[in-house]
Structure formats: C-alpha cells, structure tokens
Amino acid sequence: VSSPPIVISRGDLGLERSGAGSLSCPVLLVVGDNSPHEDAVVECNTKLDPTQTSFLKMADGGGQPQIAQPSRLTEAIKYFLQGMGYSE
C-alpha cells in the first residue's frame, strides 16, 4: 500500500523594509555556515528594516546551529537581548 505524496506549498511572506509589510519588533536571524537555507535567510534579511534586524552567520554551525553549536547560539541570543536593554 502506497500513500499519495504530500504536497507542501509556501508563499512569499510579503515582507518590506518599511511600512505595513515590515516587522516592527527586533529580529535576530541566525543561519549556519553550511545551511541549505542560507540564501533564503539572506533574502529575508534584505527585506527587513536594518535598524531592527541583526543577522548572524555562525561559523562551524553547519546546517543547524541550534544543534551543532547550542552554547554559542545561546550566547548570541543573550547579547541580542542585552542590546535590546535586557540585562543579566
């Protein structure tokens, strides 16, 4: 018995650098240095307000930095939050 293939479709989020299509909160984009999604993350970064966006490409992060380098990712998130005014 074979099951039919699952078809997944995802559209553009419609993000813009400013205006109604932009995020109004601080954003941290993280991608590993060997991620197959690097181009998509870079494209997303170009569509967001640079004053609200931080981009981190993790060296030795592989395709999943949350698994390959969890302590370094945690440290990056900590510094991101400190930059927003939260302290230890």
Protein backbone atom coordinates (compact mmCIF):
# COMPACT_ATOMS: atom_id res chain seq x y z
CA VAL A 1 0.00 0.00 0.00
CA SER A 2 1.50 3.31 -1.02
CA SER A 3 0.30 6.64 0.20
CA PRO A 4 -0.01 9.69 -2.03
CA PRO A 5 2.84 12.20 -1.91
CA ILE A 6 2.50 15.14 0.42
CA VAL A 7 2.49 18.42 -1.45
CA ILE A 8 3.62 21.42 0.56
CA SER A 9 3.41 24.91 -0.85
CA ARG A 10 4.63 28.07 0.84
CA GLY A 11 4.13 31.56 -0.49
CA ASP A 12 6.13 34.72 -0.02
CA LEU A 13 5.58 36.44 3.32
CA GLY A 14 5.29 39.83 1.63
CA LEU A 15 7.88 41.48 3.88
CA GLU A 16 9.05 45.01 3.13
CA ARG A 17 11.81 47.18 4.64
CA SER A 18 9.28 49.64 5.99
CA GLY A 19 5.56 50.21 6.15
CA ALA A 20 2.71 47.81 6.71
CA GLY A 21 4.59 44.78 5.37
CA SER A 22 7.51 45.12 7.79
CA LEU A 23 8.04 43.67 11.24
CA SER A 24 8.05 46.31 13.96
CA CYS A 25 9.91 44.26 16.57
CA PRO A 26 13.64 43.48 16.81
CA VAL A 27 14.61 40.42 14.76
CA LEU A 28 17.58 38.08 15.12
CA LEU A 29 18.23 35.99 12.00
CA VAL A 30 20.61 33.08 12.54
CA VAL A 31 21.95 30.74 9.87
CA GLY A 32 24.68 28.12 9.92
CA ASP A 33 27.63 28.42 7.56
CA ASN A 34 26.64 25.24 5.75
CA SER A 35 22.87 25.67 5.77
CA PRO A 36 20.89 24.92 2.62
CA HIS A 37 18.63 27.82 3.65
CA GLU A 38 21.35 30.47 3.75
CA ASP A 39 20.14 32.23 0.59
CA ALA A 40 16.58 32.43 1.92
CA VAL A 41 17.76 33.90 5.24
CA VAL A 42 19.94 36.46 3.44
CA GLU A 43 16.97 37.39 1.23
CA CYS A 44 14.76 37.77 4.30
CA ASN A 45 17.44 39.99 5.86
CA THR A 46 17.38 42.30 2.82
CA LYS A 47 13.61 42.74 3.21
CA LEU A 48 13.67 43.75 6.87
CA ASP A 49 14.39 47.11 8.48
CA PRO A 50 18.16 47.14 9.15
CA THR A 51 17.67 49.22 12.31
CA GLN A 52 15.55 46.40 13.78
CA THR A 53 17.39 43.38 12.37
CA SER A 54 20.52 41.52 13.44
CA PHE A 55 21.98 38.88 11.13
CA LEU A 56 24.30 36.17 12.39
CA LYS A 57 26.01 33.60 10.19
CA MET A 58 27.53 31.06 12.57
CA ALA A 59 30.89 29.63 11.59
CA ASP A 60 31.05 25.88 12.27
CA GLY A 61 27.29 26.00 12.73
CA GLY A 62 26.69 23.53 9.94
CA GLY A 63 23.11 23.39 8.72
CA GLN A 64 21.56 23.53 12.18
CA PRO A 65 23.49 25.81 14.56
CA GLN A 66 20.99 25.15 17.36
CA ILE A 67 22.21 21.54 17.35
CA ALA A 68 25.86 21.96 16.29
CA GLN A 69 26.68 24.98 18.49
CA PRO A 70 23.95 25.40 21.12
CA SER A 71 26.12 27.27 23.63
CA ARG A 72 27.33 29.76 21.01
CA LEU A 73 23.76 30.30 19.81
CA THR A 74 22.61 30.85 23.39
CA GLU A 75 25.38 33.42 23.86
CA ALA A 76 24.34 35.21 20.65
CA ILE A 77 20.73 35.36 21.85
CA LYS A 78 21.93 36.68 25.21
CA TYR A 79 23.86 39.52 23.54
CA PHE A 80 20.90 40.25 21.26
CA LEU A 81 18.63 40.62 24.29
CA GLN A 82 21.21 42.73 26.11
CA GLY A 83 21.31 45.03 23.08
CA MET A 84 17.56 45.47 23.49
CA GLY A 85 18.11 46.65 27.06
CA TYR A 86 17.64 43.42 28.98
CA SER A 87 20.44 42.60 31.38
CA GLU A 88 21.53 39.51 33.25
